[in-house]
Every structure is written in C-alpha cells, then in structure tokens.
Amino acid sequence: MLATRLREMRKQNKLTQTQLAEKVGTKKGTISNYENDYSTPPNDMLKKLSKVLNISSDYLLGITEEKSDYVKEDEAFYDAITDPDLKRWYKELPRSKEEDLRKLRQMWEIIKDQGK
C-alpha cells in the first residue's frame, strides 16, 4: 500500500524520484526502494515524505482512504510514541497486508465503542 501511494503522490506533486529524494534528504535509490516495496521508510522519513507531499501519513500507510493534508498533529503523534515496543509495532504497519490493516482498524473500532 505504502509503495503505491508514495509513487502516486510523488507523481501528483510532479516530482521525480531524484527531486523527492533531495527534498527529504536521501538518495534516489532509497525512494525507488520505497516505491518498489523493497524497503519501508522509518518514522522520521515517513514524516518528511508526508510533509513534502502534503499528505497525511495515515493515507500513505493505507490506514485511511481519505487524502487529507499533512498536519502538524502528525508530528506530535510520532513524537508522542515513547514506548520502544509500540514504535517497533508501528514501523511494521506499512509492511502489513491491506486485509490485516482493515482487521486492525475493525478491532480498534470495537475497542473505541467499548469505551463509550
């Protein structure tokens, strides 16, 4: 999901892989690896990509279908994760199957509903 959406948003912003790499402080090959699903960006890189492409990290990760703009709250979210286990788990999300992400979202909705 991340690979497809990253490529889509890069093209929508009329950027080459080289231009995007320069804007986020990495190499063209790294962007290519992300877009071809050979590797996954770490949280700090995901934040930079979201900011440059002006899209929420939730959209890039496939958590939502809504193409909302990048907002400062995304930065606060990344900074708020202090538990190393949660950070590790969060980093695994982009590599998850779309079906598994949908199940995770359903489970989250159930948890939220129980709190009401």
PDB file of N, CA and C in Angstrom:
ATOM      1  N   MET A   1       0.823  -1.191   0.000  1.00  0.00           N
ATOM      2  CA  MET A   1       0.000   0.000   0.000  1.00  0.00           C
ATOM      3  C   MET A   1       0.872   1.261   0.000  1.00  0.00           C
ATOM      4  N   LEU A   2       1.853   1.317   0.912  1.00  0.00           N
ATOM      5  CA  LEU A   2       2.721   2.491   1.005  1.00  0.00           C
ATOM      6  C   LEU A   2       3.442   2.739  -0.318  1.00  0.00           C
ATOM      7  N   ALA A   3       3.953   1.693  -0.919  1.00  0.00           N
ATOM      8  CA  ALA A   3       4.710   1.839  -2.165  1.00  0.00           C
ATOM      9  C   ALA A   3       3.857   2.497  -3.249  1.00  0.00           C
ATOM     10  N   THR A   4       2.650   1.998  -3.417  1.00  0.00           N
ATOM     11  CA  THR A   4       1.744   2.511  -4.444  1.00  0.00           C
ATOM     12  C   THR A   4       1.364   3.957  -4.170  1.00  0.00           C
ATOM     13  N   ARG A   5       1.016   4.234  -2.931  1.00  0.00           N
ATOM     14  CA  ARG A   5       0.566   5.589  -2.594  1.00  0.00           C
ATOM     15  C   ARG A   5       1.706   6.601  -2.638  1.00  0.00           C
ATOM     16  N   LEU A   6       2.883   6.184  -2.265  1.00  0.00           N
ATOM     17  CA  LEU A   6       4.029   7.088  -2.337  1.00  0.00           C
ATOM     18  C   LEU A   6       4.287   7.484  -3.787  1.00  0.00           C
ATOM     19  N   ARG A   7       4.301   6.512  -4.683  1.00  0.00           N
ATOM     20  CA  ARG A   7       4.518   6.795  -6.106  1.00  0.00           C
ATOM     21  C   ARG A   7       3.407   7.706  -6.639  1.00  0.00           C
ATOM     22  N   GLU A   8       2.165   7.374  -6.282  1.00  0.00           N
ATOM     23  CA  GLU A   8       1.009   8.163  -6.727  1.00  0.00           C
ATOM     24  C   GLU A   8       1.147   9.628  -6.295  1.00  0.00           C
ATOM     25  N   MET A   9       1.478   9.851  -5.038  1.00  0.00           N
ATOM     26  CA  MET A   9       1.560  11.215  -4.523  1.00  0.00           C
ATOM     27  C   MET A   9       2.787  11.955  -5.067  1.00  0.00           C
ATOM     28  N   ARG A  10       3.869  11.241  -5.286  1.00  0.00           N
ATOM     29  CA  ARG A  10       5.054  11.876  -5.885  1.00  0.00           C
ATOM     30  C   ARG A  10       4.717  12.388  -7.276  1.00  0.00           C
ATOM     31  N   LYS A  11       4.053  11.546  -8.064  1.00  0.00           N
ATOM     32  CA  LYS A  11       3.678  11.943  -9.424  1.00  0.00           C
ATOM     33  C   LYS A  11       2.643  13.060  -9.405  1.00  0.00           C
ATOM     34  N   GLN A  12       1.705  12.984  -8.480  1.00  0.00           N
ATOM     35  CA  GLN A  12       0.680  14.027  -8.369  1.00  0.00           C
ATOM     36  C   GLN A  12       1.322  15.382  -8.050  1.00  0.00           C
ATOM     37  N   ASN A  13       2.416  15.351  -7.304  1.00  0.00           N
ATOM     38  CA  ASN A  13       3.152  16.570  -6.974  1.00  0.00           C
ATOM     39  C   ASN A  13       4.180  16.939  -8.044  1.00  0.00           C
ATOM     40  N   LYS A  14       4.151  16.194  -9.151  1.00  0.00           N
ATOM     41  CA  LYS A  14       5.036  16.436 -10.293  1.00  0.00           C
ATOM     42  C   LYS A  14       6.517  16.452  -9.892  1.00  0.00           C
ATOM     43  N   LEU A  15       6.889  15.454  -9.113  1.00  0.00           N
ATOM     44  CA  LEU A  15       8.274  15.314  -8.671  1.00  0.00           C
ATOM     45  C   LEU A  15       8.871  14.030  -9.227  1.00  0.00           C
ATOM     46  N   THR A  16      10.136  14.089  -9.582  1.00  0.00           N
ATOM     47  CA  THR A  16      10.856  12.867  -9.932  1.00  0.00           C
ATOM     48  C   THR A  16      11.335  12.233  -8.627  1.00  0.00           C
ATOM     49  N   GLN A  17      11.795  11.004  -8.721  1.00  0.00           N
ATOM     50  CA  GLN A  17      12.357  10.365  -7.529  1.00  0.00           C
ATOM     51  C   GLN A  17      13.560  11.157  -7.020  1.00  0.00           C
ATOM     52  N   THR A  18      14.356  11.665  -7.935  1.00  0.00           N
ATOM     53  CA  THR A  18      15.534  12.452  -7.553  1.00  0.00           C
ATOM     54  C   THR A  18      15.128  13.722  -6.819  1.00  0.00           C
ATOM     55  N   GLN A  19      14.122  14.421  -7.341  1.00  0.00           N
ATOM     56  CA  GLN A  19      13.668  15.656  -6.698  1.00  0.00           C
ATOM     57  C   GLN A  19      13.107  15.387  -5.304  1.00  0.00           C
ATOM     58  N   LEU A  20      12.310  14.329  -5.185  1.00  0.00           N
ATOM     59  CA  LEU A  20      11.750  13.990  -3.877  1.00  0.00           C
ATOM     60  C   LEU A  20      12.869  13.626  -2.904  1.00  0.00           C
ATOM     61  N   ALA A  21      13.824  12.853  -3.383  1.00  0.00           N
ATOM     62  CA  ALA A  21      14.952  12.455  -2.531  1.00  0.00           C
ATOM     63  C   ALA A  21      15.697  13.677  -2.006  1.00  0.00           C
ATOM     64  N   GLU A  22      15.923  14.657  -2.869  1.00  0.00           N
ATOM     65  CA  GLU A  22      16.621  15.876  -2.445  1.00  0.00           C
ATOM     66  C   GLU A  22      15.823  16.624  -1.379  1.00  0.00           C
ATOM     67  N   LYS A  23      14.513  16.679  -1.552  1.00  0.00           N
ATOM     68  CA  LYS A  23      13.658  17.416  -0.612  1.00  0.00           C
ATOM     69  C   LYS A  23      13.603  16.768   0.771  1.00  0.00           C
ATOM     70  N   VAL A  24      13.753  15.449   0.817  1.00  0.00           N
ATOM     71  CA  VAL A  24      13.675  14.760   2.117  1.00  0.00           C
ATOM     72  C   VAL A  24      15.050  14.345   2.643  1.00  0.00           C
ATOM     73  N   GLY A  25      16.098  14.685   1.897  1.00  0.00           N
ATOM     74  CA  GLY A  25      17.454  14.425   2.373  1.00  0.00           C
ATOM     75  C   GLY A  25      17.900  12.978   2.279  1.00  0.00           C
ATOM     76  N   THR A  26      17.578  12.341   1.157  1.00  0.00           N
ATOM     77  CA  THR A  26      18.025  10.962   0.950  1.00  0.00           C
ATOM     78  C   THR A  26      18.456  10.799  -0.503  1.00  0.00           C
ATOM     79  N   LYS A  27      18.617   9.569  -0.955  1.00  0.00           N
ATOM     80  CA  LYS A  27      19.061   9.296  -2.321  1.00  0.00           C
ATOM     81  C   LYS A  27      17.905   8.763  -3.158  1.00  0.00           C
ATOM     82  N   LYS A  28      18.035   8.922  -4.468  1.00  0.00           N
ATOM     83  CA  LYS A  28      17.022   8.444  -5.403  1.00  0.00           C
ATOM     84  C   LYS A  28      16.767   6.951  -5.211  1.00  0.00           C
ATOM     85  N   GLY A  29      17.824   6.186  -4.994  1.00  0.00           N
ATOM     86  CA  GLY A  29      17.691   4.737  -4.817  1.00  0.00           C
ATOM     87  C   GLY A  29      16.835   4.371  -3.615  1.00  0.00           C
ATOM     88  N   THR A  30      16.908   5.186  -2.580  1.00  0.00           N
ATOM     89  CA  THR A  30      16.097   4.940  -1.384  1.00  0.00           C
ATOM     90  C   THR A  30      14.622   5.127  -1.706  1.00  0.00           C
ATOM     91  N   ILE A  31      14.309   6.213  -2.424  1.00  0.00           N
ATOM     92  CA  ILE A  31      12.919   6.461  -2.826  1.00  0.00           C
ATOM     93  C   ILE A  31      12.446   5.329  -3.730  1.00  0.00           C
ATOM     94  N   SER A  32      13.291   4.905  -4.647  1.00  0.00           N
ATOM     95  CA  SER A  32      12.955   3.792  -5.533  1.00  0.00           C
ATOM     96  C   SER A  32      12.660   2.525  -4.733  1.00  0.00           C
ATOM     97  N   ASN A  33      13.468   2.260  -3.724  1.00  0.00           N
ATOM     98  CA  ASN A  33      13.233   1.082  -2.877  1.00  0.00           C
ATOM     99  C   ASN A  33      11.886   1.166  -2.166  1.00  0.00           C
ATOM    100  N   TYR A  34      11.528   2.354  -1.678  1.00  0.00           N
ATOM    101  CA  TYR A  34      10.225   2.523  -1.025  1.00  0.00           C
ATOM    102  C   TYR A  34       9.098   2.276  -2.024  1.00  0.00           C
ATOM    103  N   GLU A  35       9.229   2.856  -3.223  1.00  0.00           N
ATOM    104  CA  GLU A  35       8.167   2.755  -4.226  1.00  0.00           C
ATOM    105  C   GLU A  35       8.039   1.347  -4.808  1.00  0.00           C
ATOM    106  N   ASN A  36       9.094   0.581  -4.749  1.00  0.00           N
ATOM    107  CA  ASN A  36       9.039  -0.793  -5.253  1.00  0.00           C
ATOM    108  C   ASN A  36       8.835  -1.810  -4.137  1.00  0.00           C
ATOM    109  N   ASP A  37       8.569  -1.304  -2.947  1.00  0.00           N
ATOM    110  CA  ASP A  37       8.258  -2.131  -1.779  1.00  0.00           C
ATOM    111  C   ASP A  37       9.420  -3.041  -1.373  1.00  0.00           C
ATOM    112  N   TYR A  38      10.652  -2.575  -1.645  1.00  0.00           N
ATOM    113  CA  TYR A  38      11.833  -3.324  -1.215  1.00  0.00           C
ATOM    114  C   TYR A  38      12.225  -2.972   0.211  1.00  0.00           C
ATOM    115  N   SER A  39      11.846  -1.765   0.627  1.00  0.00           N
ATOM    116  CA  SER A  39      12.119  -1.340   2.000  1.00  0.00           C
ATOM    117  C   SER A  39      11.032  -0.374   2.447  1.00  0.00           C
ATOM    118  N   THR A  40      10.991  -0.143   3.737  1.00  0.00           N
ATOM    119  CA  THR A  40       9.971   0.710   4.338  1.00  0.00           C
ATOM    120  C   THR A  40      10.653   1.882   5.026  1.00  0.00           C
ATOM    121  N   PRO A  41      10.128   3.089   4.824  1.00  0.00           N
ATOM    122  CA  PRO A  41      10.770   4.235   5.474  1.00  0.00           C
ATOM    123  C   PRO A  41      10.589   4.204   6.987  1.00  0.00           C
ATOM    124  N   PRO A  42      11.629   4.577   7.726  1.00  0.00           N
ATOM    125  CA  PRO A  42      11.469   4.699   9.180  1.00  0.00           C
ATOM    126  C   PRO A  42      10.540   5.880   9.489  1.00  0.00           C
ATOM    127  N   ASN A  43      10.095   5.972  10.718  1.00  0.00           N
ATOM    128  CA  ASN A  43       9.128   7.003  11.103  1.00  0.00           C
ATOM    129  C   ASN A  43       9.569   8.415  10.744  1.00  0.00           C
ATOM    130  N   ASP A  44      10.833   8.746  10.987  1.00  0.00           N
ATOM    131  CA  ASP A  44      11.278  10.107  10.692  1.00  0.00           C
ATOM    132  C   ASP A  44      11.226  10.399   9.198  1.00  0.00           C
ATOM    133  N   MET A  45      11.522   9.414   8.363  1.00  0.00           N
ATOM    134  CA  MET A  45      11.449   9.598   6.918  1.00  0.00           C
ATOM    135  C   MET A  45       9.994   9.671   6.460  1.00  0.00           C
ATOM    136  N   LEU A  46       9.139   8.866   7.057  1.00  0.00           N
ATOM    137  CA  LEU A  46       7.715   8.911   6.721  1.00  0.00           C
ATOM    138  C   LEU A  46       7.158  10.305   7.006  1.00  0.00           C
ATOM    139  N   LYS A  47       7.591  10.885   8.109  1.00  0.00           N
ATOM    140  CA  LYS A  47       7.154  12.232   8.470  1.00  0.00           C
ATOM    141  C   LYS A  47       7.613  13.241   7.410  1.00  0.00           C
ATOM    142  N   LYS A  48       8.865  13.129   6.961  1.00  0.00           N
ATOM    143  CA  LYS A  48       9.389  14.038   5.934  1.00  0.00           C
ATOM    144  C   LYS A  48       8.637  13.872   4.617  1.00  0.00           C
ATOM    145  N   LEU A  49       8.394  12.623   4.230  1.00  0.00           N
ATOM    146  CA  LEU A  49       7.670  12.360   2.985  1.00  0.00           C
ATOM    147  C   LEU A  49       6.264  12.948   3.045  1.00  0.00           C
ATOM    148  N   SER A  50       5.591  12.745   4.167  1.00  0.00           N
ATOM    149  CA  SER A  50       4.240  13.279   4.337  1.00  0.00           C
ATOM    150  C   SER A  50       4.235  14.794   4.215  1.00  0.00           C
ATOM    151  N   LYS A  51       5.212  15.412   4.839  1.00  0.00           N
ATOM    152  CA  LYS A  51       5.287  16.874   4.840  1.00  0.00           C
ATOM    153  C   LYS A  51       5.543  17.407   3.431  1.00  0.00           C
ATOM    154  N   VAL A  52       6.531  16.843   2.740  1.00  0.00           N
ATOM    155  CA  VAL A  52       6.879  17.306   1.393  1.00  0.00           C
ATOM    156  C   VAL A  52       5.734  17.062   0.410  1.00  0.00           C
ATOM    157  N   LEU A  53       5.074  15.919   0.527  1.00  0.00           N
ATOM    158  CA  LEU A  53       3.987  15.579  -0.391  1.00  0.00           C
ATOM    159  C   LEU A  53       2.645  16.155   0.057  1.00  0.00           C
ATOM    160  N   ASN A  54       2.622  16.794   1.219  1.00  0.00           N
ATOM    161  CA  ASN A  54       1.420  17.400   1.794  1.00  0.00           C
ATOM    162  C   ASN A  54       0.256  16.414   1.847  1.00  0.00           C
ATOM    163  N   ILE A  55       0.544  15.262   2.430  1.00  0.00           N
ATOM    164  CA  ILE A  55      -0.485  14.229   2.587  1.00  0.00           C
ATOM    165  C   ILE A  55      -0.291  13.597   3.959  1.00  0.00           C
ATOM    166  N   SER A  56      -1.356  13.153   4.549  1.00  0.00           N
ATOM    167  CA  SER A  56      -1.224  12.551   5.881  1.00  0.00           C
ATOM    168  C   SER A  56      -0.476  11.225   5.799  1.00  0.00           C
ATOM    169  N   SER A  57       0.233  10.929   6.845  1.00  0.00           N
ATOM    170  CA  SER A  57       0.928   9.646   6.908  1.00  0.00           C
ATOM    171  C   SER A  57      -0.078   8.501   6.946  1.00  0.00           C
ATOM    172  N   ASP A  58      -1.254   8.737   7.522  1.00  0.00           N
ATOM    173  CA  ASP A  58      -2.293   7.702   7.546  1.00  0.00           C
ATOM    174  C   ASP A  58      -2.683   7.291   6.135  1.00  0.00           C
ATOM    175  N   TYR A  59      -2.758   8.257   5.222  1.00  0.00           N
ATOM    176  CA  TYR A  59      -3.089   7.928   3.837  1.00  0.00           C
ATOM    177  C   TYR A  59      -1.953   7.129   3.203  1.00  0.00           C
ATOM    178  N   LEU A  60      -0.723   7.591   3.373  1.00  0.00           N
ATOM    179  CA  LEU A  60       0.418   6.871   2.787  1.00  0.00           C
ATOM    180  C   LEU A  60       0.495   5.434   3.287  1.00  0.00           C
ATOM    181  N   LEU A  61       0.185   5.233   4.562  1.00  0.00           N
ATOM    182  CA  LEU A  61       0.271   3.897   5.161  1.00  0.00           C
ATOM    183  C   LEU A  61      -0.926   3.009   4.823  1.00  0.00           C
ATOM    184  N   GLY A  62      -1.971   3.601   4.248  1.00  0.00           N
ATOM    185  CA  GLY A  62      -3.154   2.811   3.921  1.00  0.00           C
ATOM    186  C   GLY A  62      -4.114   2.659   5.079  1.00  0.00           C
ATOM    187  N   ILE A  63      -3.926   3.459   6.117  1.00  0.00           N
ATOM    188  CA  ILE A  63      -4.815   3.388   7.273  1.00  0.00           C
ATOM    189  C   ILE A  63      -6.152   4.030   6.950  1.00  0.00           C
ATOM    190  N   THR A  64      -6.125   5.033   6.076  1.00  0.00           N
ATOM    191  CA  THR A  64      -7.346   5.712   5.666  1.00  0.00           C
ATOM    192  C   THR A  64      -7.355   5.879   4.155  1.00  0.00           C
ATOM    193  N   GLU A  65      -8.546   6.007   3.610  1.00  0.00           N
ATOM    194  CA  GLU A  65      -8.702   6.259   2.180  1.00  0.00           C
ATOM    195  C   GLU A  65      -8.794   7.760   1.909  1.00  0.00           C
ATOM    196  N   GLU A  66      -8.967   8.537   2.963  1.00  0.00           N
ATOM    197  CA  GLU A  66      -9.140   9.984   2.841  1.00  0.00           C
ATOM    198  C   GLU A  66      -7.796  10.656   2.594  1.00  0.00           C
ATOM    199  N   LYS A  67      -7.731  11.433   1.525  1.00  0.00           N
ATOM    200  CA  LYS A  67      -6.492  12.138   1.179  1.00  0.00           C
ATOM    201  C   LYS A  67      -6.438  13.474   1.922  1.00  0.00           C
ATOM    202  N   SER A  68      -6.226  13.421   3.213  1.00  0.00           N
ATOM    203  CA  SER A  68      -6.144  14.669   3.969  1.00  0.00           C
ATOM    204  C   SER A  68      -4.720  15.209   3.928  1.00  0.00           C
ATOM    205  N   ASP A  69      -4.625  16.522   4.064  1.00  0.00           N
ATOM    206  CA  ASP A  69      -3.325  17.185   4.029  1.00  0.00           C
ATOM    207  C   ASP A  69      -2.483  16.799   5.231  1.00  0.00           C
ATOM    208  N   TYR A  70      -1.178  16.948   5.065  1.00  0.00           N
ATOM    209  CA  TYR A  70      -0.250  16.771   6.175  1.00  0.00           C
ATOM    210  C   TYR A  70      -0.558  17.851   7.202  1.00  0.00           C
ATOM    211  N   VAL A  71      -0.585  17.461   8.442  1.00  0.00           N
ATOM    212  CA  VAL A  71      -0.835  18.434   9.508  1.00  0.00           C
ATOM    213  C   VAL A  71       0.196  18.263  10.613  1.00  0.00           C
ATOM    214  N   LYS A  72       0.399  19.304  11.365  1.00  0.00           N
ATOM    215  CA  LYS A  72       1.375  19.272  12.457  1.00  0.00           C
ATOM    216  C   LYS A  72       1.053  18.192  13.478  1.00  0.00           C
ATOM    217  N   GLU A  73      -0.227  17.802  13.579  1.00  0.00           N
ATOM    218  CA  GLU A  73      -0.592  16.762  14.535  1.00  0.00           C
ATOM    219  C   GLU A  73       0.136  15.456  14.231  1.00  0.00           C
ATOM    220  N   ASP A  74       0.438  15.214  12.946  1.00  0.00           N
ATOM    221  CA  ASP A  74       1.199  14.014  12.591  1.00  0.00           C
ATOM    222  C   ASP A  74       2.553  14.023  13.300  1.00  0.00           C
ATOM    223  N   GLU A  75       3.194  15.181  13.326  1.00  0.00           N
ATOM    224  CA  GLU A  75       4.489  15.291  14.002  1.00  0.00           C
ATOM    225  C   GLU A  75       4.341  14.999  15.487  1.00  0.00           C
ATOM    226  N   ALA A  76       3.299  15.551  16.079  1.00  0.00           N
ATOM    227  CA  ALA A  76       3.069  15.333  17.512  1.00  0.00           C
ATOM    228  C   ALA A  76       2.844  13.852  17.790  1.00  0.00           C
ATOM    229  N   PHE A  77       2.162  13.165  16.876  1.00  0.00           N
ATOM    230  CA  PHE A  77       1.897  11.743  17.045  1.00  0.00           C
ATOM    231  C   PHE A  77       3.206  10.959  17.087  1.00  0.00           C
ATOM    232  N   TYR A  78       4.082  11.206  16.128  1.00  0.00           N
ATOM    233  CA  TYR A  78       5.361  10.492  16.098  1.00  0.00           C
ATOM    234  C   TYR A  78       6.170  10.758  17.363  1.00  0.00           C
ATOM    235  N   ASP A  79       6.171  12.018  17.779  1.00  0.00           N
ATOM    236  CA  ASP A  79       6.939  12.384  18.969  1.00  0.00           C
ATOM    237  C   ASP A  79       6.348  11.790  20.237  1.00  0.00           C
ATOM    238  N   ALA A  80       5.040  11.525  20.223  1.00  0.00           N
ATOM    239  CA  ALA A  80       4.358  11.019  21.420  1.00  0.00           C
ATOM    240  C   ALA A  80       4.641   9.542  21.686  1.00  0.00           C
ATOM    241  N   ILE A  81       5.061   8.810  20.672  1.00  0.00           N
ATOM    242  CA  ILE A  81       5.334   7.388  20.869  1.00  0.00           C
ATOM    243  C   ILE A  81       6.684   7.245  21.568  1.00  0.00           C
ATOM    244  N   THR A  82       6.627   6.901  22.837  1.00  0.00           N
ATOM    245  CA  THR A  82       7.863   6.762  23.604  1.00  0.00           C
ATOM    246  C   THR A  82       8.193   5.307  23.917  1.00  0.00           C
ATOM    247  N   ASP A  83       7.189   4.456  23.895  1.00  0.00           N
ATOM    248  CA  ASP A  83       7.385   3.043  24.192  1.00  0.00           C
ATOM    249  C   ASP A  83       8.084   2.371  23.005  1.00  0.00           C
ATOM    250  N   PRO A  84       9.273   1.801  23.200  1.00  0.00           N
ATOM    251  CA  PRO A  84      10.008   1.174  22.097  1.00  0.00           C
ATOM    252  C   PRO A  84       9.236   0.044  21.419  1.00  0.00           C
ATOM    253  N   ASP A  85       8.452  -0.717  22.188  1.00  0.00           N
ATOM    254  CA  ASP A  85       7.661  -1.794  21.591  1.00  0.00           C
ATOM    255  C   ASP A  85       6.591  -1.230  20.662  1.00  0.00           C
ATOM    256  N   LEU A  86       5.958  -0.137  21.071  1.00  0.00           N
ATOM    257  CA  LEU A  86       4.952   0.494  20.218  1.00  0.00           C
ATOM    258  C   LEU A  86       5.585   1.060  18.951  1.00  0.00           C
ATOM    259  N   LYS A  87       6.751   1.647  19.083  1.00  0.00           N
ATOM    260  CA  LYS A  87       7.437   2.177  17.900  1.00  0.00           C
ATOM    261  C   LYS A  87       7.769   1.053  16.926  1.00  0.00           C
ATOM    262  N   ARG A  88       8.250  -0.067  17.461  1.00  0.00           N
ATOM    263  CA  ARG A  88       8.576  -1.219  16.612  1.00  0.00           C
ATOM    264  C   ARG A  88       7.319  -1.721  15.906  1.00  0.00           C
ATOM    265  N   TRP A  89       6.232  -1.840  16.657  1.00  0.00           N
ATOM    266  CA  TRP A  89       4.963  -2.296  16.088  1.00  0.00           C
ATOM    267  C   TRP A  89       4.490  -1.327  15.008  1.00  0.00           C
ATOM    268  N   TYR A  90       4.587  -0.037  15.296  1.00  0.00           N
ATOM    269  CA  TYR A  90       4.135   0.969  14.343  1.00  0.00           C
ATOM    270  C   TYR A  90       4.949   0.908  13.050  1.00  0.00           C
ATOM    271  N   LYS A  91       6.246   0.638  13.164  1.00  0.00           N
ATOM    272  CA  LYS A  91       7.100   0.531  11.983  1.00  0.00           C
ATOM    273  C   LYS A  91       6.714  -0.667  11.120  1.00  0.00           C
ATOM    274  N   GLU A  92       6.139  -1.692  11.739  1.00  0.00           N
ATOM    275  CA  GLU A  92       5.735  -2.882  10.992  1.00  0.00           C
ATOM    276  C   GLU A  92       4.464  -2.652  10.178  1.00  0.00           C
ATOM    277  N   LEU A  93       3.660  -1.685  10.556  1.00  0.00           N
ATOM    278  CA  LEU A  93       2.379  -1.461   9.889  1.00  0.00           C
ATOM    279  C   LEU A  93       2.487  -1.307   8.370  1.00  0.00           C
ATOM    280  N   PRO A  94       3.421  -0.503   7.857  1.00  0.00           N
ATOM    281  CA  PRO A  94       3.481  -0.345   6.403  1.00  0.00           C
ATOM    282  C   PRO A  94       3.764  -1.643   5.651  1.00  0.00           C
ATOM    283  N   ARG A  95       4.366  -2.612   6.314  1.00  0.00           N
ATOM    284  CA  ARG A  95       4.679  -3.885   5.658  1.00  0.00           C
ATOM    285  C   ARG A  95       3.537  -4.892   5.782  1.00  0.00           C
ATOM    286  N   SER A  96       2.480  -4.498   6.461  1.00  0.00           N
ATOM    287  CA  SER A  96       1.353  -5.403   6.687  1.00  0.00           C
ATOM    288  C   SER A  96       0.470  -5.492   5.453  1.00  0.00           C
ATOM    289  N   LYS A  97      -0.234  -6.600   5.354  1.00  0.00           N
ATOM    290  CA  LYS A  97      -1.181  -6.779   4.261  1.00  0.00           C
ATOM    291  C   LYS A  97      -2.362  -5.841   4.483  1.00  0.00           C
ATOM    292  N   GLU A  98      -2.928  -5.386   3.379  1.00  0.00           N
ATOM    293  CA  GLU A  98      -4.068  -4.470   3.454  1.00  0.00           C
ATOM    294  C   GLU A  98      -5.213  -5.095   4.249  1.00  0.00           C
ATOM    295  N   GLU A  99      -5.450  -6.364   4.036  1.00  0.00           N
ATOM    296  CA  GLU A  99      -6.517  -7.069   4.758  1.00  0.00           C
ATOM    297  C   GLU A  99      -6.261  -7.048   6.269  1.00  0.00           C
ATOM    298  N   ASP A 100      -5.011  -7.246   6.664  1.00  0.00           N
ATOM    299  CA  ASP A 100      -4.667  -7.215   8.089  1.00  0.00           C
ATOM    300  C   ASP A 100      -4.876  -5.823   8.679  1.00  0.00           C
ATOM    301  N   LEU A 101      -4.555  -4.782   7.898  1.00  0.00           N
ATOM    302  CA  LEU A 101      -4.772  -3.413   8.373  1.00  0.00           C
ATOM    303  C   LEU A 101      -6.262  -3.132   8.565  1.00  0.00           C
ATOM    304  N   ARG A 102      -7.075  -3.662   7.661  1.00  0.00           N
ATOM    305  CA  ARG A 102      -8.536  -3.488   7.814  1.00  0.00           C
ATOM    306  C   ARG A 102      -9.030  -4.183   9.078  1.00  0.00           C
ATOM    307  N   LYS A 103      -8.522  -5.382   9.342  1.00  0.00           N
ATOM    308  CA  LYS A 103      -8.904  -6.103  10.566  1.00  0.00           C
ATOM    309  C   LYS A 103      -8.477  -5.320  11.805  1.00  0.00           C
ATOM    310  N   LEU A 104      -7.278  -4.768  11.752  1.00  0.00           N
ATOM    311  CA  LEU A 104      -6.778  -3.975  12.871  1.00  0.00           C
ATOM    312  C   LEU A 104      -7.678  -2.766  13.117  1.00  0.00           C
ATOM    313  N   ARG A 105      -8.084  -2.133  12.044  1.00  0.00           N
ATOM    314  CA  ARG A 105      -8.984  -0.979  12.186  1.00  0.00           C
ATOM    315  C   ARG A 105     -10.313  -1.404  12.793  1.00  0.00           C
ATOM    316  N   GLN A 106     -10.854  -2.540  12.357  1.00  0.00           N
ATOM    317  CA  GLN A 106     -12.112  -3.042  12.927  1.00  0.00           C
ATOM    318  C   GLN A 106     -11.952  -3.311  14.419  1.00  0.00           C
ATOM    319  N   MET A 107     -10.833  -3.902  14.798  1.00  0.00           N
ATOM    320  CA  MET A 107     -10.588  -4.172  16.216  1.00  0.00           C
ATOM    321  C   MET A 107     -10.509  -2.861  16.998  1.00  0.00           C
ATOM    322  N   TRP A 108      -9.863  -1.861  16.414  1.00  0.00           N
ATOM    323  CA  TRP A 108      -9.761  -0.563  17.081  1.00  0.00           C
ATOM    324  C   TRP A 108     -11.145   0.059  17.272  1.00  0.00           C
ATOM    325  N   GLU A 109     -12.001  -0.056  16.256  1.00  0.00           N
ATOM    326  CA  GLU A 109     -13.362   0.489  16.364  1.00  0.00           C
ATOM    327  C   GLU A 109     -14.128  -0.204  17.489  1.00  0.00           C
ATOM    328  N   ILE A 110     -13.938  -1.503  17.632  1.00  0.00           N
ATOM    329  CA  ILE A 110     -14.594  -2.249  18.718  1.00  0.00           C
ATOM    330  C   ILE A 110     -14.092  -1.740  20.068  1.00  0.00           C
ATOM    331  N   ILE A 111     -12.794  -1.560  20.191  1.00  0.00           N
ATOM    332  CA  ILE A 111     -12.217  -1.060  21.446  1.00  0.00           C
ATOM    333  C   ILE A 111     -12.769   0.326  21.770  1.00  0.00           C
ATOM    334  N   LYS A 112     -12.832   1.198  20.769  1.00  0.00           N
ATOM    335  CA  LYS A 112     -13.360   2.546  20.995  1.00  0.00           C
ATOM    336  C   LYS A 112     -14.823   2.498  21.427  1.00  0.00           C
ATOM    337  N   ASP A 113     -15.609   1.617  20.785  1.00  0.00           N
ATOM    338  CA  ASP A 113     -17.035   1.503  21.119  1.00  0.00           C
ATOM    339  C   ASP A 113     -17.241   0.993  22.538  1.00  0.00           C
ATOM    340  N   GLN A 114     -16.354   0.134  23.012  1.00  0.00           N
ATOM    341  CA  GLN A 114     -16.473  -0.394  24.375  1.00  0.00           C
ATOM    342  C   GLN A 114     -16.257   0.697  25.415  1.00  0.00           C
ATOM    343  N   GLY A 115     -15.504   1.711  25.046  1.00  0.00           N
ATOM    344  CA  GLY A 115     -15.216   2.800  25.971  1.00  0.00           C
ATOM    345  C   GLY A 115     -16.338   3.807  26.086  1.00  0.00           C
ATOM    346  N   LYS A 116     -17.357   3.670  25.266  1.00  0.00           N
ATOM    347  CA  LYS A 116     -18.472   4.640  25.276  1.00  0.00           C
ATOM    348  C   LYS A 116     -19.495   4.307  26.324  1.00  0.00           C
TER     349      LYS A 116
END
